[in-house]
Amino acid sequence: MWKKVLWSDETKIELFGNNAKRYVWRKINTAHHPEHTIPTVKHGGGSIMVWACFSSAGTGKMVKIDGKRVGAKYRTILEENLMESATDLRLGWRFVFQQDNDPKHKAKSTMEWFKNKHIQVLEWPSQSPDLNPIENLWKELKTAVHKCSPSNLTELELFCKEEWEKISVSRCAKLIETYAKRLTAVIAAKGGATKY
C-alpha cells in the first residue's frame, strides 16, 4: 500500500542557516581563531519556501513558493505539479496523496479540488512529524545544499532543485520499505519522539 502513496510537504530553506554542529581539532586556547569559527549572517541571509513530493519510485517535482502561502496558491501548485509527479513516478491513477493538516491543505475548496480530480487523500493525524518520511529527505537536502555554498537566493533555489533530483530512487524506496517499522516505533512511543 505504501508504494502507492505520493508524500508531500513544504519546508523553509535558509541561505546561510544550516544549524548543524561542526567539530574541529584545535590546540588549547585557539577556539576564537578565525580558522576555528564560522561567520554568521543575521536572519540566515534570507530563505525560500519549497513544496515537493516523492514516492518509493523517487522524487517528484519541487517548486518554490513565492509570497504568502494561501489556499489558492497551494491549489495552483497541486494543479501544476501533482499529476505530473504521479505520472513521472508511474503511480497510476489509483495513487494516494499525503499532505499534513495545514489549514490551506484542509480548506473546503482544496478538499473539493481533490474530490473533483478523483484523488484519494490519506487521512493524517495532527502533530505527527515522525510519520512523514519526507522529513528525512528535507534534512538530507538541506545538508547537501549548504555544502554547495549558495551565495544568493537564486543559487539557493537552483541548488535545492538540483540536489532534490539527485536523491536516489533507492533512498526513497528504503524510506518506504521501512515505513511499517516507523509506524510501529511511533505506536510504541505512544506518539512521542522516535529515531525516525
N, C-alpha and C. Protein backbone atom coordinates (compact mmCIF):
# COMPACT_ATOMS: atom_id res chain seq x y z
N MET A 1 0.82 -1.20 0.00
CA MET A 1 0.00 0.00 0.00
C MET A 1 0.86 1.26 0.00
N TRP A 2 1.94 1.28 0.81
CA TRP A 2 2.74 2.50 0.95
C TRP A 2 3.45 2.87 -0.35
N LYS A 3 3.64 1.91 -1.24
CA LYS A 3 4.30 2.21 -2.52
C LYS A 3 3.40 3.03 -3.44
N LYS A 4 2.11 3.10 -3.13
CA LYS A 4 1.17 3.87 -3.94
C LYS A 4 0.93 5.27 -3.36
N VAL A 5 1.67 5.63 -2.31
CA VAL A 5 1.48 6.94 -1.68
C VAL A 5 2.45 7.95 -2.27
N LEU A 6 1.95 9.12 -2.59
CA LEU A 6 2.77 10.25 -3.02
C LEU A 6 2.84 11.20 -1.82
N TRP A 7 4.00 11.24 -1.18
CA TRP A 7 4.22 12.02 0.05
C TRP A 7 4.56 13.45 -0.31
N SER A 8 4.08 14.42 0.46
CA SER A 8 4.36 15.83 0.15
C SER A 8 4.56 16.64 1.44
N ASP A 9 5.15 17.79 1.26
CA ASP A 9 5.34 18.71 2.38
C ASP A 9 5.96 20.00 1.85
N GLU A 10 5.98 21.01 2.73
CA GLU A 10 6.68 22.26 2.46
C GLU A 10 7.76 22.42 3.51
N THR A 11 8.82 23.13 3.15
CA THR A 11 9.86 23.45 4.13
C THR A 11 10.52 24.77 3.78
N LYS A 12 11.08 25.39 4.79
CA LYS A 12 11.84 26.63 4.61
C LYS A 12 13.32 26.28 4.58
N ILE A 13 14.02 26.82 3.60
CA ILE A 13 15.46 26.59 3.49
C ILE A 13 16.16 27.93 3.53
N GLU A 14 17.04 28.09 4.52
CA GLU A 14 17.74 29.36 4.69
C GLU A 14 19.04 29.38 3.90
N LEU A 15 19.39 30.57 3.42
CA LEU A 15 20.59 30.74 2.63
C LEU A 15 21.84 30.36 3.42
N PHE A 16 21.97 30.88 4.63
CA PHE A 16 23.14 30.57 5.46
C PHE A 16 22.71 29.97 6.77
N GLY A 17 21.65 29.20 6.75
CA GLY A 17 21.05 28.78 8.01
C GLY A 17 21.24 27.34 8.42
N ASN A 18 22.25 26.66 7.93
CA ASN A 18 22.43 25.28 8.36
C ASN A 18 22.97 25.26 9.77
N ASN A 19 22.13 24.82 10.70
CA ASN A 19 22.49 24.89 12.12
C ASN A 19 23.16 23.62 12.64
N ALA A 20 23.66 22.81 11.74
CA ALA A 20 24.31 21.57 12.17
C ALA A 20 25.57 21.89 12.97
N LYS A 21 25.85 21.08 13.98
CA LYS A 21 27.07 21.27 14.76
C LYS A 21 28.26 20.87 13.90
N ARG A 22 29.35 21.58 14.09
CA ARG A 22 30.59 21.23 13.42
C ARG A 22 31.68 21.14 14.46
N TYR A 23 32.53 20.17 14.29
CA TYR A 23 33.61 19.95 15.24
C TYR A 23 34.94 20.14 14.53
N VAL A 24 35.90 20.72 15.27
CA VAL A 24 37.26 20.88 14.72
C VAL A 24 38.27 20.43 15.76
N TRP A 25 39.39 19.94 15.26
CA TRP A 25 40.53 19.65 16.13
C TRP A 25 41.33 20.94 16.22
N ARG A 26 41.63 21.35 17.44
CA ARG A 26 42.39 22.59 17.62
C ARG A 26 43.26 22.49 18.86
N LYS A 27 44.22 23.36 18.91
CA LYS A 27 45.11 23.43 20.08
C LYS A 27 44.43 24.24 21.17
N ILE A 28 44.85 24.03 22.39
CA ILE A 28 44.31 24.77 23.54
C ILE A 28 44.49 26.27 23.32
N ASN A 29 43.48 27.03 23.72
CA ASN A 29 43.46 28.50 23.63
C ASN A 29 43.42 29.03 22.20
N THR A 30 42.92 28.24 21.25
CA THR A 30 42.78 28.72 19.87
C THR A 30 41.31 28.71 19.42
N ALA A 31 40.38 28.58 20.34
CA ALA A 31 38.96 28.46 20.00
C ALA A 31 38.44 29.63 19.18
N HIS A 32 38.95 30.82 19.40
CA HIS A 32 38.42 32.01 18.73
C HIS A 32 39.25 32.46 17.54
N HIS A 33 40.20 31.67 17.13
CA HIS A 33 40.96 32.00 15.91
C HIS A 33 40.03 31.87 14.71
N PRO A 34 40.19 32.72 13.71
CA PRO A 34 39.28 32.72 12.56
C PRO A 34 39.10 31.36 11.90
N GLU A 35 40.15 30.57 11.84
CA GLU A 35 40.03 29.27 11.18
C GLU A 35 39.17 28.28 11.96
N HIS A 36 38.83 28.63 13.22
CA HIS A 36 38.01 27.75 14.05
C HIS A 36 36.61 28.31 14.31
N THR A 37 36.25 29.36 13.62
CA THR A 37 34.93 29.95 13.80
C THR A 37 34.18 29.96 12.47
N ILE A 38 32.87 30.04 12.57
CA ILE A 38 32.02 30.09 11.38
C ILE A 38 31.28 31.42 11.42
N PRO A 39 31.47 32.26 10.39
CA PRO A 39 30.76 33.55 10.38
C PRO A 39 29.25 33.34 10.27
N THR A 40 28.49 34.27 10.83
CA THR A 40 27.03 34.19 10.78
C THR A 40 26.46 35.40 10.06
N VAL A 41 25.23 35.26 9.61
CA VAL A 41 24.50 36.35 8.97
C VAL A 41 23.17 36.46 9.69
N LYS A 42 22.79 37.68 10.10
CA LYS A 42 21.51 37.85 10.78
C LYS A 42 20.38 37.36 9.89
N HIS A 43 19.42 36.69 10.49
CA HIS A 43 18.23 36.16 9.82
C HIS A 43 18.57 35.15 8.72
N GLY A 44 19.74 34.54 8.79
CA GLY A 44 20.09 33.48 7.84
C GLY A 44 20.37 33.96 6.43
N GLY A 45 20.40 35.28 6.20
CA GLY A 45 20.68 35.81 4.86
C GLY A 45 19.52 35.68 3.90
N GLY A 46 18.35 35.34 4.41
CA GLY A 46 17.18 35.14 3.56
C GLY A 46 16.87 33.66 3.44
N SER A 47 15.70 33.37 2.91
CA SER A 47 15.28 31.98 2.79
C SER A 47 14.27 31.84 1.67
N ILE A 48 14.02 30.58 1.32
CA ILE A 48 12.95 30.28 0.37
C ILE A 48 12.08 29.19 0.97
N MET A 49 10.82 29.16 0.57
CA MET A 49 9.91 28.07 0.92
C MET A 49 9.76 27.22 -0.33
N VAL A 50 9.80 25.89 -0.13
CA VAL A 50 9.60 24.99 -1.25
C VAL A 50 8.55 23.94 -0.90
N TRP A 51 7.86 23.46 -1.92
CA TRP A 51 6.95 22.32 -1.82
C TRP A 51 7.55 21.24 -2.69
N ALA A 52 7.49 20.00 -2.22
CA ALA A 52 7.98 18.88 -3.03
C ALA A 52 7.21 17.62 -2.66
N CYS A 53 7.39 16.60 -3.49
CA CYS A 53 6.76 15.32 -3.23
C CYS A 53 7.71 14.20 -3.66
N PHE A 54 7.43 12.99 -3.13
CA PHE A 54 8.21 11.84 -3.52
C PHE A 54 7.40 10.58 -3.27
N SER A 55 7.85 9.48 -3.84
CA SER A 55 7.25 8.17 -3.58
C SER A 55 8.38 7.16 -3.50
N SER A 56 8.03 5.90 -3.35
CA SER A 56 9.06 4.87 -3.31
C SER A 56 9.80 4.77 -4.65
N ALA A 57 9.23 5.36 -5.70
CA ALA A 57 9.85 5.32 -7.03
C ALA A 57 10.79 6.50 -7.28
N GLY A 58 10.95 7.42 -6.31
CA GLY A 58 11.87 8.55 -6.47
C GLY A 58 11.23 9.88 -6.12
N THR A 59 11.95 10.94 -6.44
CA THR A 59 11.46 12.28 -6.13
C THR A 59 10.58 12.79 -7.25
N GLY A 60 9.56 13.54 -6.84
CA GLY A 60 8.68 14.21 -7.79
C GLY A 60 9.13 15.65 -7.97
N LYS A 61 8.20 16.50 -8.31
CA LYS A 61 8.50 17.91 -8.55
C LYS A 61 8.84 18.63 -7.25
N MET A 62 9.66 19.67 -7.39
CA MET A 62 9.92 20.61 -6.31
C MET A 62 9.67 22.00 -6.89
N VAL A 63 8.93 22.83 -6.14
CA VAL A 63 8.66 24.19 -6.60
C VAL A 63 8.86 25.17 -5.46
N LYS A 64 9.36 26.34 -5.82
CA LYS A 64 9.50 27.42 -4.85
C LYS A 64 8.13 28.06 -4.66
N ILE A 65 7.81 28.39 -3.42
CA ILE A 65 6.54 29.05 -3.10
C ILE A 65 6.83 30.53 -2.94
N ASP A 66 6.29 31.32 -3.85
CA ASP A 66 6.51 32.77 -3.79
C ASP A 66 5.40 33.44 -2.99
N GLY A 67 5.77 34.41 -2.18
CA GLY A 67 4.78 35.18 -1.44
C GLY A 67 4.13 34.40 -0.31
N LYS A 68 3.00 34.90 0.11
CA LYS A 68 2.27 34.30 1.23
C LYS A 68 1.65 32.97 0.82
N ARG A 69 1.72 32.00 1.73
CA ARG A 69 1.19 30.67 1.44
C ARG A 69 -0.31 30.64 1.77
N VAL A 70 -1.12 30.67 0.74
CA VAL A 70 -2.58 30.64 0.92
C VAL A 70 -3.16 29.48 0.11
N GLY A 71 -4.43 29.16 0.40
CA GLY A 71 -5.08 28.03 -0.23
C GLY A 71 -5.07 28.07 -1.76
N ALA A 72 -5.35 29.23 -2.34
CA ALA A 72 -5.39 29.33 -3.81
C ALA A 72 -4.02 29.02 -4.40
N LYS A 73 -2.97 29.50 -3.78
CA LYS A 73 -1.61 29.24 -4.26
C LYS A 73 -1.28 27.75 -4.13
N TYR A 74 -1.71 27.14 -3.04
CA TYR A 74 -1.47 25.71 -2.84
C TYR A 74 -2.17 24.89 -3.92
N ARG A 75 -3.41 25.24 -4.23
CA ARG A 75 -4.14 24.52 -5.27
C ARG A 75 -3.46 24.69 -6.64
N THR A 76 -2.88 25.87 -6.88
CA THR A 76 -2.15 26.09 -8.14
C THR A 76 -0.92 25.18 -8.19
N ILE A 77 -0.21 25.06 -7.07
CA ILE A 77 0.95 24.16 -7.01
C ILE A 77 0.52 22.74 -7.31
N LEU A 78 -0.59 22.31 -6.70
CA LEU A 78 -1.09 20.96 -6.94
C LEU A 78 -1.48 20.78 -8.41
N GLU A 79 -2.20 21.76 -8.93
CA GLU A 79 -2.67 21.69 -10.32
C GLU A 79 -1.50 21.55 -11.29
N GLU A 80 -0.42 22.27 -11.04
CA GLU A 80 0.71 22.29 -11.96
C GLU A 80 1.72 21.18 -11.73
N ASN A 81 1.69 20.51 -10.57
CA ASN A 81 2.77 19.58 -10.23
C ASN A 81 2.35 18.20 -9.76
N LEU A 82 1.17 18.07 -9.20
CA LEU A 82 0.78 16.81 -8.57
C LEU A 82 0.62 15.67 -9.58
N MET A 83 -0.23 15.86 -10.57
CA MET A 83 -0.48 14.78 -11.53
C MET A 83 0.76 14.49 -12.37
N GLU A 84 1.52 15.51 -12.69
CA GLU A 84 2.75 15.31 -13.46
C GLU A 84 3.74 14.46 -12.65
N SER A 85 3.84 14.74 -11.35
CA SER A 85 4.72 13.94 -10.49
C SER A 85 4.24 12.50 -10.41
N ALA A 86 2.93 12.31 -10.22
CA ALA A 86 2.37 10.96 -10.15
C ALA A 86 2.62 10.19 -11.44
N THR A 87 2.50 10.88 -12.58
CA THR A 87 2.76 10.24 -13.88
C THR A 87 4.23 9.89 -14.02
N ASP A 88 5.11 10.86 -13.71
CA ASP A 88 6.56 10.62 -13.82
C ASP A 88 7.01 9.46 -12.94
N LEU A 89 6.38 9.30 -11.79
CA LEU A 89 6.75 8.25 -10.85
C LEU A 89 5.99 6.94 -11.11
N ARG A 90 5.18 6.94 -12.17
CA ARG A 90 4.41 5.76 -12.59
C ARG A 90 3.54 5.20 -11.46
N LEU A 91 2.84 6.10 -10.78
CA LEU A 91 1.97 5.68 -9.68
C LEU A 91 0.60 5.21 -10.16
N GLY A 92 0.26 5.50 -11.41
CA GLY A 92 -1.05 5.12 -11.93
C GLY A 92 -2.13 6.06 -11.41
N TRP A 93 -3.38 5.74 -11.74
CA TRP A 93 -4.50 6.63 -11.37
C TRP A 93 -5.00 6.37 -9.95
N ARG A 94 -4.60 5.28 -9.35
CA ARG A 94 -5.15 4.94 -8.03
C ARG A 94 -4.17 5.22 -6.91
N PHE A 95 -3.32 6.21 -7.08
CA PHE A 95 -2.38 6.55 -6.02
C PHE A 95 -3.11 7.29 -4.89
N VAL A 96 -2.45 7.37 -3.74
CA VAL A 96 -2.98 8.09 -2.57
C VAL A 96 -2.05 9.26 -2.30
N PHE A 97 -2.63 10.44 -2.11
CA PHE A 97 -1.82 11.63 -1.86
C PHE A 97 -1.76 11.92 -0.37
N GLN A 98 -0.55 12.18 0.13
CA GLN A 98 -0.35 12.52 1.54
C GLN A 98 -0.03 14.00 1.67
N GLN A 99 -0.70 14.64 2.59
CA GLN A 99 -0.40 16.02 2.98
C GLN A 99 -0.71 16.12 4.46
N ASP A 100 -0.14 17.12 5.13
CA ASP A 100 -0.43 17.27 6.55
C ASP A 100 -1.72 18.08 6.73
N ASN A 101 -2.02 18.45 7.96
CA ASN A 101 -3.30 19.11 8.25
C ASN A 101 -3.22 20.63 8.30
N ASP A 102 -2.28 21.19 7.59
CA ASP A 102 -2.19 22.65 7.49
C ASP A 102 -3.55 23.18 7.02
N PRO A 103 -4.01 24.30 7.56
CA PRO A 103 -5.34 24.82 7.18
C PRO A 103 -5.54 24.99 5.67
N LYS A 104 -4.51 25.41 4.95
CA LYS A 104 -4.69 25.57 3.50
C LYS A 104 -4.83 24.22 2.80
N HIS A 105 -4.28 23.16 3.41
CA HIS A 105 -4.43 21.82 2.85
C HIS A 105 -5.84 21.27 3.09
N LYS A 106 -6.40 21.59 4.23
CA LYS A 106 -7.70 21.04 4.62
C LYS A 106 -8.86 21.97 4.29
N ALA A 107 -8.57 23.10 3.66
CA ALA A 107 -9.63 24.06 3.30
C ALA A 107 -10.68 23.37 2.43
N LYS A 108 -11.91 23.79 2.59
CA LYS A 108 -13.03 23.18 1.86
C LYS A 108 -12.78 23.20 0.36
N SER A 109 -12.29 24.33 -0.16
CA SER A 109 -12.05 24.43 -1.61
C SER A 109 -10.93 23.51 -2.07
N THR A 110 -9.93 23.28 -1.22
CA THR A 110 -8.84 22.35 -1.56
C THR A 110 -9.36 20.92 -1.56
N MET A 111 -10.15 20.56 -0.55
CA MET A 111 -10.69 19.21 -0.48
C MET A 111 -11.66 18.94 -1.64
N GLU A 112 -12.38 19.97 -2.07
CA GLU A 112 -13.25 19.84 -3.24
C GLU A 112 -12.42 19.62 -4.50
N TRP A 113 -11.27 20.30 -4.57
CA TRP A 113 -10.37 20.12 -5.72
C TRP A 113 -9.96 18.65 -5.83
N PHE A 114 -9.57 18.06 -4.69
CA PHE A 114 -9.19 16.64 -4.70
C PHE A 114 -10.36 15.76 -5.15
N LYS A 115 -11.53 16.08 -4.64
CA LYS A 115 -12.73 15.29 -5.00
C LYS A 115 -13.01 15.38 -6.49
N ASN A 116 -12.93 16.59 -7.04
CA ASN A 116 -13.18 16.79 -8.47
C ASN A 116 -12.15 16.09 -9.35
N LYS A 117 -10.93 15.96 -8.84
CA LYS A 117 -9.85 15.30 -9.59
C LYS A 117 -9.81 13.80 -9.31
N HIS A 118 -10.68 13.32 -8.42
CA HIS A 118 -10.73 11.90 -8.04
C HIS A 118 -9.41 11.43 -7.44
N ILE A 119 -8.85 12.28 -6.58
CA ILE A 119 -7.59 11.95 -5.91
C ILE A 119 -7.90 11.60 -4.46
N GLN A 120 -7.51 10.41 -4.06
CA GLN A 120 -7.70 9.98 -2.67
C GLN A 120 -6.62 10.60 -1.80
N VAL A 121 -7.03 11.22 -0.69
CA VAL A 121 -6.10 11.86 0.24
C VAL A 121 -6.00 11.00 1.50
N LEU A 122 -4.78 10.71 1.88
CA LEU A 122 -4.52 9.90 3.06
C LEU A 122 -4.96 10.65 4.31
N GLU A 123 -5.75 10.00 5.15
CA GLU A 123 -6.13 10.62 6.41
C GLU A 123 -4.87 10.79 7.25
N TRP A 124 -4.69 11.97 7.84
CA TRP A 124 -3.43 12.28 8.51
C TRP A 124 -3.68 12.80 9.92
N PRO A 125 -3.00 12.20 10.92
CA PRO A 125 -3.18 12.68 12.29
C PRO A 125 -2.47 14.02 12.50
N SER A 126 -2.96 14.77 13.47
CA SER A 126 -2.31 16.05 13.77
C SER A 126 -1.04 15.79 14.57
N GLN A 127 -0.15 16.77 14.58
CA GLN A 127 1.10 16.70 15.37
C GLN A 127 1.86 15.41 15.10
N SER A 128 2.22 15.16 13.84
CA SER A 128 2.83 13.88 13.51
C SER A 128 4.08 13.98 12.64
N PRO A 129 5.07 14.80 13.01
CA PRO A 129 6.25 14.94 12.13
C PRO A 129 7.03 13.63 11.95
N ASP A 130 7.01 12.75 12.95
CA ASP A 130 7.75 11.49 12.82
C ASP A 130 7.13 10.56 11.79
N LEU A 131 5.90 10.81 11.38
CA LEU A 131 5.22 9.91 10.47
C LEU A 131 5.53 10.19 9.00
N ASN A 132 5.93 11.38 8.66
CA ASN A 132 6.15 11.71 7.25
C ASN A 132 7.62 11.48 6.88
N PRO A 133 7.89 10.49 6.03
CA PRO A 133 9.28 10.20 5.69
C PRO A 133 9.97 11.29 4.88
N ILE A 134 9.21 12.25 4.37
CA ILE A 134 9.84 13.34 3.63
C ILE A 134 10.72 14.20 4.55
N GLU A 135 10.42 14.15 5.87
CA GLU A 135 11.25 14.90 6.82
C GLU A 135 12.70 14.44 6.75
N ASN A 136 12.91 13.14 6.54
CA ASN A 136 14.28 12.63 6.39
C ASN A 136 14.94 13.22 5.15
N LEU A 137 14.17 13.33 4.07
CA LEU A 137 14.73 13.89 2.84
C LEU A 137 15.01 15.38 2.97
N TRP A 138 14.16 16.10 3.73
CA TRP A 138 14.42 17.53 3.94
C TRP A 138 15.77 17.73 4.62
N LYS A 139 16.04 16.92 5.64
CA LYS A 139 17.31 17.05 6.37
C LYS A 139 18.50 16.80 5.44
N GLU A 140 18.41 15.74 4.66
CA GLU A 140 19.48 15.40 3.72
C GLU A 140 19.63 16.49 2.65
N LEU A 141 18.51 17.02 2.16
CA LEU A 141 18.54 18.07 1.15
C LEU A 141 19.24 19.31 1.68
N LYS A 142 18.85 19.75 2.87
CA LYS A 142 19.44 20.96 3.44
C LYS A 142 20.94 20.81 3.64
N THR A 143 21.38 19.65 4.09
CA THR A 143 22.81 19.40 4.27
C THR A 143 23.53 19.46 2.92
N ALA A 144 22.98 18.82 1.90
CA ALA A 144 23.60 18.81 0.58
C ALA A 144 23.64 20.20 -0.04
N VAL A 145 22.55 20.96 0.11
CA VAL A 145 22.50 22.31 -0.46
C VAL A 145 23.54 23.22 0.19
N HIS A 146 23.68 23.13 1.50
CA HIS A 146 24.63 24.02 2.17
C HIS A 146 26.08 23.65 1.87
N LYS A 147 26.33 22.40 1.48
CA LYS A 147 27.67 22.02 1.03
C LYS A 147 28.00 22.68 -0.30
N CYS A 148 26.97 23.04 -1.07
CA CYS A 148 27.17 23.72 -2.35
C CYS A 148 27.52 25.21 -2.17
N SER A 149 27.33 25.72 -0.96
CA SER A 149 27.63 27.13 -0.62
C SER A 149 26.95 28.14 -1.53
N PRO A 150 25.62 28.14 -1.60
CA PRO A 150 24.95 29.17 -2.41
C PRO A 150 25.23 30.55 -1.84
N SER A 151 25.38 31.54 -2.74
CA SER A 151 25.70 32.89 -2.27
C SER A 151 24.52 33.85 -2.37
N ASN A 152 23.43 33.41 -3.00
CA ASN A 152 22.23 34.25 -3.09
C ASN A 152 21.01 33.34 -3.20
N LEU A 153 19.82 33.93 -3.15
CA LEU A 153 18.59 33.15 -3.15
C LEU A 153 18.34 32.43 -4.48
N THR A 154 18.81 33.02 -5.58
CA THR A 154 18.66 32.36 -6.88
C THR A 154 19.47 31.07 -6.91
N GLU A 155 20.71 31.14 -6.44
CA GLU A 155 21.55 29.94 -6.36
C GLU A 155 20.95 28.94 -5.39
N LEU A 156 20.40 29.43 -4.27
CA LEU A 156 19.80 28.53 -3.29
C LEU A 156 18.68 27.71 -3.93
N GLU A 157 17.80 28.37 -4.67
CA GLU A 157 16.70 27.65 -5.35
C GLU A 157 17.24 26.65 -6.36
N LEU A 158 18.22 27.06 -7.15
CA LEU A 158 18.82 26.18 -8.15
C LEU A 158 19.43 24.94 -7.50
N PHE A 159 20.22 25.15 -6.43
CA PHE A 159 20.87 24.04 -5.75
C PHE A 159 19.84 23.12 -5.10
N CYS A 160 18.77 23.70 -4.56
CA CYS A 160 17.71 22.87 -3.96
C CYS A 160 17.13 21.92 -5.00
N LYS A 161 16.80 22.45 -6.15
CA LYS A 161 16.20 21.62 -7.20
C LYS A 161 17.19 20.57 -7.71
N GLU A 162 18.45 20.97 -7.89
CA GLU A 162 19.47 20.03 -8.36
C GLU A 162 19.68 18.90 -7.36
N GLU A 163 19.81 19.25 -6.08
CA GLU A 163 20.07 18.25 -5.06
C GLU A 163 18.85 17.36 -4.83
N TRP A 164 17.64 17.91 -4.99
CA TRP A 164 16.42 17.12 -4.85
C TRP A 164 16.39 16.03 -5.94
N GLU A 165 16.74 16.41 -7.16
CA GLU A 165 16.75 15.46 -8.26
C GLU A 165 17.83 14.40 -8.11
N LYS A 166 18.88 14.70 -7.34
CA LYS A 166 19.98 13.75 -7.14
C LYS A 166 19.65 12.67 -6.10
N ILE A 167 18.60 12.89 -5.32
CA ILE A 167 18.25 11.89 -4.31
C ILE A 167 17.89 10.60 -5.04
N SER A 168 18.53 9.52 -4.65
CA SER A 168 18.39 8.26 -5.39
C SER A 168 17.04 7.59 -5.16
N VAL A 169 16.64 6.84 -6.16
CA VAL A 169 15.42 6.04 -6.06
C VAL A 169 15.57 5.04 -4.91
N SER A 170 16.76 4.49 -4.76
CA SER A 170 16.97 3.50 -3.69
C SER A 170 16.78 4.13 -2.31
N ARG A 171 17.18 5.39 -2.15
CA ARG A 171 16.98 6.09 -0.87
C ARG A 171 15.49 6.26 -0.61
N CYS A 172 14.75 6.68 -1.61
CA CYS A 172 13.30 6.86 -1.47
C CYS A 172 12.63 5.52 -1.17
N ALA A 173 13.03 4.49 -1.90
CA ALA A 173 12.44 3.16 -1.70
C ALA A 173 12.71 2.65 -0.29
N LYS A 174 13.92 2.89 0.22
CA LYS A 174 14.28 2.42 1.56
C LYS A 174 13.40 3.09 2.62
N LEU A 175 13.14 4.38 2.47
CA LEU A 175 12.28 5.08 3.43
C LEU A 175 10.88 4.46 3.47
N ILE A 176 10.38 4.05 2.30
CA ILE A 176 9.04 3.48 2.25
C ILE A 176 9.05 2.02 2.71
N GLU A 177 10.10 1.29 2.37
CA GLU A 177 10.21 -0.11 2.82
C GLU A 177 10.20 -0.21 4.35
N THR A 178 10.77 0.79 5.01
CA THR A 178 10.86 0.76 6.47
C THR A 178 9.71 1.50 7.14
N TYR A 179 8.70 1.89 6.35
CA TYR A 179 7.62 2.70 6.91
C TYR A 179 6.83 1.96 7.99
N ALA A 180 6.62 0.67 7.82
CA ALA A 180 5.89 -0.10 8.83
C ALA A 180 6.65 -0.06 10.17
N LYS A 181 7.98 -0.11 10.12
CA LYS A 181 8.79 -0.02 11.34
C LYS A 181 8.63 1.35 11.99
N ARG A 182 8.55 2.38 11.15
CA ARG A 182 8.35 3.75 11.65
C ARG A 182 7.03 3.84 12.41
N LEU A 183 5.97 3.30 11.83
CA LEU A 183 4.66 3.33 12.49
C LEU A 183 4.68 2.55 13.80
N THR A 184 5.32 1.39 13.78
CA THR A 184 5.43 0.58 15.00
C THR A 184 6.17 1.35 16.09
N ALA A 185 7.24 2.05 15.72
CA ALA A 185 8.02 2.82 16.70
C ALA A 185 7.20 3.97 17.28
N VAL A 186 6.41 4.64 16.45
CA VAL A 186 5.56 5.75 16.92
C VAL A 186 4.49 5.22 17.88
N ILE A 187 3.90 4.08 17.53
CA ILE A 187 2.89 3.47 18.41
C ILE A 187 3.53 3.07 19.74
N ALA A 188 4.71 2.45 19.69
CA ALA A 188 5.41 2.02 20.90
C ALA A 188 5.76 3.23 21.78
N ALA A 189 6.08 4.35 21.13
CA ALA A 189 6.42 5.57 21.88
C ALA A 189 5.18 6.36 22.27
N LYS A 190 4.00 5.80 21.98
CA LYS A 190 2.72 6.45 22.28
C LYS A 190 2.65 7.88 21.72
N GLY A 191 3.15 8.01 20.51
CA GLY A 191 3.12 9.31 19.84
C GLY A 191 4.30 10.19 20.15
N GLY A 192 5.20 9.73 21.01
CA GLY A 192 6.38 10.52 21.35
C GLY A 192 7.44 10.43 20.26
N ALA A 193 8.56 11.05 20.51
CA ALA A 193 9.64 11.08 19.54
C ALA A 193 10.23 9.69 19.31
N THR A 194 10.68 9.44 18.10
CA THR A 194 11.32 8.18 17.76
C THR A 194 12.64 8.47 17.06
N LYS A 195 13.37 7.43 16.71
CA LYS A 195 14.63 7.62 15.99
C LYS A 195 14.42 8.09 14.57
N TYR A 196 13.17 8.05 14.12
CA TYR A 196 12.88 8.44 12.74
C TYR A 196 12.70 9.95 12.63
